[in-house]
Amino acid sequence: MAIDYSDLLFDPVYAELGVPAVLSAGTAGEVEITVIDDTRPKSNTSGVVEVRSAGPGAFARYYEITAKGITRDDFDGAMLTFNGGMWEVRSHELRGSPNGESWGEVRFLLRAIYD
């Protein structure tokens, strides 16, 4: 019997940490999704060297996005609004799950949009 990682792992995490967001991309227009905010800079110190993260990001469930008509080709350049901020998706990374890539997450690497 296969373990359903979506049910056991992703559902509780997104229910607890997820925030509502609007993704504007492709012909689907604006769709509501849930994201995990990963916009705060992080640093890691090893000895005397400090390394900062690549930049702001957000995690979303891949199947949630594609079920709403947005394809992977639409990700880069899309607009993502959440927690009072507006962001442009500058690139993305797929993070699969043991149940397959389409049941995992996508990490959007973001650039802040200022009015």
Protein backbone atom coordinates (compact mmCIF):
# COMPACT_ATOMS: atom_id res chain seq x y z
CA MET A 1 0.00 0.00 0.00
CA ALA A 2 1.46 3.34 -1.05
CA ILE A 3 1.66 6.24 1.39
CA ASP A 4 -0.36 9.28 0.31
CA TYR A 5 2.10 12.09 1.08
CA SER A 6 -0.36 14.70 -0.12
CA ASP A 7 -2.89 13.65 2.50
CA LEU A 8 -0.42 12.96 5.32
CA LEU A 9 2.14 15.73 4.79
CA PHE A 10 1.12 18.51 2.43
CA ASP A 11 -2.54 18.90 3.53
CA PRO A 12 -1.71 19.57 7.21
CA VAL A 13 1.27 21.82 6.39
CA TYR A 14 -0.69 23.99 3.96
CA ALA A 15 -3.69 24.10 6.33
CA GLU A 16 -1.44 25.43 9.11
CA LEU A 17 1.14 27.57 7.29
CA GLY A 18 -0.57 28.41 4.01
CA VAL A 19 -1.91 31.85 3.17
CA PRO A 20 -4.35 32.85 0.43
CA ALA A 21 -2.77 34.17 -2.74
CA VAL A 22 -3.74 35.23 -6.24
CA LEU A 23 -1.65 33.99 -9.16
CA SER A 24 -2.07 35.85 -12.45
CA ALA A 25 -0.67 33.89 -15.36
CA GLY A 26 -1.43 32.61 -18.81
CA THR A 27 -4.91 32.38 -20.25
CA ALA A 28 -6.36 31.30 -16.88
CA GLY A 29 -6.13 34.89 -15.67
CA GLU A 30 -6.27 35.36 -11.91
CA VAL A 31 -6.69 32.23 -9.80
CA GLU A 32 -6.79 31.85 -6.04
CA ILE A 33 -4.26 29.43 -4.58
CA THR A 34 -2.62 28.75 -1.23
CA VAL A 35 1.08 29.48 -0.77
CA ILE A 36 3.64 29.17 1.99
CA ASP A 37 5.40 32.52 2.37
CA ASP A 38 9.16 32.12 2.01
CA THR A 39 10.00 35.79 1.43
CA ARG A 40 12.07 36.49 4.54
CA PRO A 41 15.82 36.35 3.92
CA LYS A 42 17.62 33.51 5.62
CA SER A 43 21.26 33.25 6.49
CA ASN A 44 23.53 30.38 7.42
CA THR A 45 26.80 30.98 9.22
CA SER A 46 29.56 28.42 8.90
CA GLY A 47 32.71 29.50 10.72
CA VAL A 48 33.38 33.06 9.62
CA VAL A 49 31.40 32.84 6.37
CA GLU A 50 27.76 33.92 6.22
CA VAL A 51 25.65 32.78 3.27
CA ARG A 52 22.24 34.29 2.49
CA SER A 53 19.41 32.58 0.67
CA ALA A 54 18.87 33.14 -3.04
CA GLY A 55 16.03 35.56 -2.40
CA PRO A 56 12.35 35.71 -1.66
CA GLY A 57 10.14 32.82 -2.63
CA ALA A 58 6.86 31.06 -2.07
CA PHE A 59 5.84 27.41 -2.15
CA ALA A 60 2.61 26.18 -3.75
CA ARG A 61 1.15 22.78 -4.50
CA TYR A 62 1.77 21.93 -8.14
CA TYR A 63 -1.47 20.04 -8.68
CA GLU A 64 -3.55 22.90 -7.19
CA ILE A 65 -2.13 25.33 -9.75
CA THR A 66 -2.41 23.06 -12.78
CA ALA A 67 -5.96 22.05 -11.79
CA LYS A 68 -6.88 25.74 -12.18
CA GLY A 69 -5.60 25.89 -15.75
CA ILE A 70 -2.12 27.36 -15.25
CA THR A 71 0.66 25.39 -16.90
CA ARG A 72 4.33 25.22 -16.03
CA ASP A 73 5.10 27.36 -19.10
CA ASP A 74 3.04 30.16 -17.52
CA PHE A 75 4.98 30.31 -14.22
CA ASP A 76 7.91 32.55 -15.13
CA GLY A 77 6.76 36.15 -15.43
CA ALA A 78 3.50 35.50 -13.59
CA MET A 79 2.32 37.85 -10.83
CA LEU A 80 1.74 36.52 -7.32
CA THR A 81 -0.03 38.54 -4.63
CA PHE A 82 -0.15 37.50 -0.97
CA ASN A 83 0.33 38.90 2.54
CA GLY A 84 -0.09 42.45 1.24
CA GLY A 85 2.74 42.19 -1.29
CA MET A 86 2.92 41.84 -5.05
CA TRP A 87 5.65 39.73 -6.61
CA GLU A 88 6.83 38.74 -10.07
CA VAL A 89 7.86 35.12 -10.54
CA ARG A 90 11.40 35.36 -11.89
CA SER A 91 11.90 31.58 -12.01
CA HIS A 92 10.64 28.40 -10.41
CA GLU A 93 11.79 24.99 -9.18
CA LEU A 94 9.69 21.86 -9.07
CA ARG A 95 9.93 19.92 -5.84
CA GLY A 96 8.36 16.53 -6.34
CA SER A 97 7.02 14.15 -3.76
CA PRO A 98 7.46 10.42 -3.36
CA ASN A 99 4.10 10.11 -5.15
CA GLY A 100 5.51 11.85 -8.24
CA GLU A 101 6.41 15.31 -9.49
CA SER A 102 2.82 16.35 -10.17
CA TRP A 103 1.89 15.74 -6.50
CA GLY A 104 4.71 17.85 -5.08
CA GLU A 105 5.36 21.53 -4.80
CA VAL A 106 6.68 24.35 -6.92
CA ARG A 107 8.92 26.98 -5.36
CA PHE A 108 8.48 30.34 -6.98
CA LEU A 109 11.58 32.55 -6.85
CA LEU A 110 10.24 36.08 -6.60
CA ARG A 111 11.07 39.70 -7.27
CA ALA A 112 9.17 42.39 -5.38
CA ILE A 113 6.94 44.72 -7.40
CA TYR A 114 6.78 48.22 -5.96
CA ASP A 115 4.08 50.71 -6.87
